[in-house]
Amino acid sequence: MALPRTSAESALIVFDEIRQHLGTHPVEGVRRSISTTVGVAARPPHATATADLVRCANTALMRGKREGGDRVAIYVEEKMVLKSNYYPRADLDRLARVSGATDRTEASLLREALDDLFQKHRAL
């Protein structure tokens, strides 16, 4: 409801950039850095009714908090698999370092890698 006509993946990227900005730019009168946790869900594919969409976003938000907070979590259906199930911790740590060094979100870096893969295999 915050970003109409935006895919969950695009919303994740936008909210993660906002989260990073809030965490790295001081706010006048606030002594600590601001941490932000956001839950993302989209209509469709995650829900059709507004109440279900809110439930899915809240589920994602609570998972983000359980995983340590200060992150953007997308709703994960039972059939979906998190990237942490595919990649070893060392690769995820390296991705986080590249993200920090390039001031880009992990999601945008992974999207770029996927675009490169599709370009490489464009004949398929």
C-alpha atoms as a PDB file:
ATOM      1  CA  MET A   1       0.000   0.000   0.000  1.00  0.00           C
ATOM      2  CA  ALA A   2       3.043   2.224   0.388  1.00  0.00           C
ATOM      3  CA  LEU A   3       4.270   1.737  -3.197  1.00  0.00           C
ATOM      4  CA  PRO A   4       1.324   1.068  -5.525  1.00  0.00           C
ATOM      5  CA  ARG A   5       2.031  -0.729  -8.810  1.00  0.00           C
ATOM      6  CA  THR A   6       5.475  -1.782  -7.565  1.00  0.00           C
ATOM      7  CA  SER A   7       6.687  -5.382  -7.447  1.00  0.00           C
ATOM      8  CA  ALA A   8       7.776  -6.796  -4.098  1.00  0.00           C
ATOM      9  CA  GLU A   9      11.346  -7.087  -5.396  1.00  0.00           C
ATOM     10  CA  SER A  10      11.416  -3.420  -6.481  1.00  0.00           C
ATOM     11  CA  ALA A  11       9.859  -2.348  -3.173  1.00  0.00           C
ATOM     12  CA  LEU A  12      12.521  -4.335  -1.326  1.00  0.00           C
ATOM     13  CA  ILE A  13      15.240  -2.420  -3.165  1.00  0.00           C
ATOM     14  CA  VAL A  14      13.591   0.971  -2.506  1.00  0.00           C
ATOM     15  CA  PHE A  15      13.010   0.280   1.189  1.00  0.00           C
ATOM     16  CA  ASP A  16      16.518  -1.099   1.640  1.00  0.00           C
ATOM     17  CA  GLU A  17      17.994   2.075   0.149  1.00  0.00           C
ATOM     18  CA  ILE A  18      15.837   4.139   2.531  1.00  0.00           C
ATOM     19  CA  ARG A  19      16.921   1.929   5.453  1.00  0.00           C
ATOM     20  CA  GLN A  20      20.595   2.372   4.560  1.00  0.00           C
ATOM     21  CA  HIS A  21      20.158   6.135   4.189  1.00  0.00           C
ATOM     22  CA  LEU A  22      18.480   6.454   7.586  1.00  0.00           C
ATOM     23  CA  GLY A  23      21.230   4.377   9.190  1.00  0.00           C
ATOM     24  CA  THR A  24      24.102   6.392   7.748  1.00  0.00           C
ATOM     25  CA  HIS A  25      22.842   9.981   7.820  1.00  0.00           C
ATOM     26  CA  PRO A  26      22.622  11.681  11.221  1.00  0.00           C
ATOM     27  CA  VAL A  27      19.298  13.180  12.243  1.00  0.00           C
ATOM     28  CA  GLU A  28      19.426  16.456  14.102  1.00  0.00           C
ATOM     29  CA  GLY A  29      18.569  15.945  17.763  1.00  0.00           C
ATOM     30  CA  VAL A  30      18.994  12.166  17.585  1.00  0.00           C
ATOM     31  CA  ARG A  31      22.213  10.844  19.126  1.00  0.00           C
ATOM     32  CA  ARG A  32      22.031   7.281  17.809  1.00  0.00           C
ATOM     33  CA  SER A  33      21.841   5.984  14.279  1.00  0.00           C
ATOM     34  CA  ILE A  34      18.381   4.978  13.171  1.00  0.00           C
ATOM     35  CA  SER A  35      17.699   1.331  12.466  1.00  0.00           C
ATOM     36  CA  THR A  36      14.697   0.350  10.387  1.00  0.00           C
ATOM     37  CA  THR A  37      12.981  -2.964   9.823  1.00  0.00           C
ATOM     38  CA  VAL A  38      10.414  -3.253   7.039  1.00  0.00           C
ATOM     39  CA  GLY A  39       8.201  -6.127   5.920  1.00  0.00           C
ATOM     40  CA  VAL A  40       7.347  -6.289   2.213  1.00  0.00           C
ATOM     41  CA  ALA A  41       4.504  -8.128   0.487  1.00  0.00           C
ATOM     42  CA  ALA A  42       2.776  -7.508  -2.841  1.00  0.00           C
ATOM     43  CA  ARG A  43      -0.672  -7.948  -4.307  1.00  0.00           C
ATOM     44  CA  PRO A  44      -0.371 -10.287  -6.247  1.00  0.00           C
ATOM     45  CA  PRO A  45       1.524 -12.646  -5.831  1.00  0.00           C
ATOM     46  CA  HIS A  46       1.452 -12.804  -2.032  1.00  0.00           C
ATOM     47  CA  ALA A  47      -2.172 -11.839  -1.459  1.00  0.00           C
ATOM     48  CA  THR A  48      -5.314 -10.641  -3.205  1.00  0.00           C
ATOM     49  CA  ALA A  49      -7.285  -9.125  -0.330  1.00  0.00           C
ATOM     50  CA  THR A  50      -6.016  -6.133   1.638  1.00  0.00           C
ATOM     51  CA  ALA A  51      -6.249  -7.969   4.976  1.00  0.00           C
ATOM     52  CA  ASP A  52      -4.133 -10.833   3.597  1.00  0.00           C
ATOM     53  CA  LEU A  53      -1.603  -8.360   2.180  1.00  0.00           C
ATOM     54  CA  VAL A  54      -1.215  -6.715   5.597  1.00  0.00           C
ATOM     55  CA  ARG A  55      -0.861 -10.154   7.234  1.00  0.00           C
ATOM     56  CA  CYS A  56       1.872 -11.136   4.758  1.00  0.00           C
ATOM     57  CA  ALA A  57       3.742  -7.853   5.272  1.00  0.00           C
ATOM     58  CA  ASN A  58       3.502  -8.270   9.059  1.00  0.00           C
ATOM     59  CA  THR A  59       4.802 -11.833   8.774  1.00  0.00           C
ATOM     60  CA  ALA A  60       7.789 -10.534   6.802  1.00  0.00           C
ATOM     61  CA  LEU A  61       8.329  -7.727   9.326  1.00  0.00           C
ATOM     62  CA  MET A  62       8.367 -10.143  12.264  1.00  0.00           C
ATOM     63  CA  ARG A  63      10.850 -12.422  10.458  1.00  0.00           C
ATOM     64  CA  GLY A  64      13.071  -9.394   9.825  1.00  0.00           C
ATOM     65  CA  LYS A  65      12.989  -8.558  13.528  1.00  0.00           C
ATOM     66  CA  ARG A  66      13.712 -12.172  14.521  1.00  0.00           C
ATOM     67  CA  GLU A  67      16.721 -12.161  12.180  1.00  0.00           C
ATOM     68  CA  GLY A  68      18.209  -9.196  14.021  1.00  0.00           C
ATOM     69  CA  GLY A  69      16.329  -6.176  12.725  1.00  0.00           C
ATOM     70  CA  ASP A  70      17.645  -3.285  10.657  1.00  0.00           C
ATOM     71  CA  ARG A  71      16.723  -5.046   7.430  1.00  0.00           C
ATOM     72  CA  VAL A  72      14.033  -5.292   4.796  1.00  0.00           C
ATOM     73  CA  ALA A  73      12.350  -8.680   4.669  1.00  0.00           C
ATOM     74  CA  ILE A  74      10.144  -9.858   1.824  1.00  0.00           C
ATOM     75  CA  TYR A  75       7.262 -12.225   2.512  1.00  0.00           C
ATOM     76  CA  VAL A  76       8.388 -15.783   1.902  1.00  0.00           C
ATOM     77  CA  GLU A  77       5.799 -18.364   1.015  1.00  0.00           C
ATOM     78  CA  GLU A  78       6.302 -21.965   2.046  1.00  0.00           C
ATOM     79  CA  LYS A  79       7.438 -22.850  -1.486  1.00  0.00           C
ATOM     80  CA  MET A  80      10.043 -20.045  -1.644  1.00  0.00           C
ATOM     81  CA  VAL A  81      13.631 -20.537  -0.445  1.00  0.00           C
ATOM     82  CA  LEU A  82      15.731 -17.808   1.161  1.00  0.00           C
ATOM     83  CA  LYS A  83      19.120 -16.940  -0.368  1.00  0.00           C
ATOM     84  CA  SER A  84      20.745 -18.087   2.887  1.00  0.00           C
ATOM     85  CA  ASN A  85      19.625 -21.619   1.998  1.00  0.00           C
ATOM     86  CA  TYR A  86      21.515 -21.468  -1.309  1.00  0.00           C
ATOM     87  CA  TYR A  87      24.737 -19.638  -0.497  1.00  0.00           C
ATOM     88  CA  PRO A  88      27.427 -20.364   2.080  1.00  0.00           C
ATOM     89  CA  ARG A  89      27.878 -17.816   4.880  1.00  0.00           C
ATOM     90  CA  ALA A  90      31.252 -16.722   3.401  1.00  0.00           C
ATOM     91  CA  ASP A  91      29.566 -15.751   0.113  1.00  0.00           C
ATOM     92  CA  LEU A  92      26.799 -13.858   1.913  1.00  0.00           C
ATOM     93  CA  ASP A  93      29.399 -12.025   4.020  1.00  0.00           C
ATOM     94  CA  ARG A  94      31.324 -11.132   0.857  1.00  0.00           C
ATOM     95  CA  LEU A  95      28.113  -9.883  -0.784  1.00  0.00           C
ATOM     96  CA  ALA A  96      27.495  -7.673   2.269  1.00  0.00           C
ATOM     97  CA  ARG A  97      31.048  -6.252   2.025  1.00  0.00           C
ATOM     98  CA  VAL A  98      30.633  -5.511  -1.695  1.00  0.00           C
ATOM     99  CA  SER A  99      27.294  -3.883  -0.949  1.00  0.00           C
ATOM    100  CA  GLY A 100      28.878  -1.647   1.687  1.00  0.00           C
ATOM    101  CA  ALA A 101      31.895  -0.791  -0.451  1.00  0.00           C
ATOM    102  CA  THR A 102      29.809   0.101  -3.510  1.00  0.00           C
ATOM    103  CA  ASP A 103      26.967   1.801  -1.603  1.00  0.00           C
ATOM    104  CA  ARG A 104      24.492  -0.486  -3.398  1.00  0.00           C
ATOM    105  CA  THR A 105      21.942  -2.849  -1.952  1.00  0.00           C
ATOM    106  CA  GLU A 106      22.568  -6.578  -1.953  1.00  0.00           C
ATOM    107  CA  ALA A 107      19.326  -7.003  -3.902  1.00  0.00           C
ATOM    108  CA  SER A 108      20.497  -4.648  -6.662  1.00  0.00           C
ATOM    109  CA  LEU A 109      23.848  -6.479  -6.887  1.00  0.00           C
ATOM    110  CA  LEU A 110      22.102  -9.850  -7.156  1.00  0.00           C
ATOM    111  CA  ARG A 111      19.708  -8.426  -9.754  1.00  0.00           C
ATOM    112  CA  GLU A 112      22.721  -7.202 -11.779  1.00  0.00           C
ATOM    113  CA  ALA A 113      24.317 -10.659 -11.576  1.00  0.00           C
ATOM    114  CA  LEU A 114      21.076 -12.263 -12.733  1.00  0.00           C
ATOM    115  CA  ASP A 115      20.800  -9.789 -15.618  1.00  0.00           C
ATOM    116  CA  ASP A 116      24.391 -10.663 -16.612  1.00  0.00           C
ATOM    117  CA  LEU A 117      23.521 -14.373 -16.498  1.00  0.00           C
ATOM    118  CA  PHE A 118      20.451 -13.858 -18.699  1.00  0.00           C
ATOM    119  CA  GLN A 119      22.512 -11.776 -21.144  1.00  0.00           C
ATOM    120  CA  LYS A 120      25.131 -14.520 -21.309  1.00  0.00           C
ATOM    121  CA  HIS A 121      22.444 -17.105 -22.096  1.00  0.00           C
ATOM    122  CA  ARG A 122      20.108 -14.885 -24.118  1.00  0.00           C
ATOM    123  CA  ALA A 123      19.704 -17.524 -26.837  1.00  0.00           C
ATOM    124  CA  LEU A 124      17.893 -19.862 -24.426  1.00  0.00           C
END
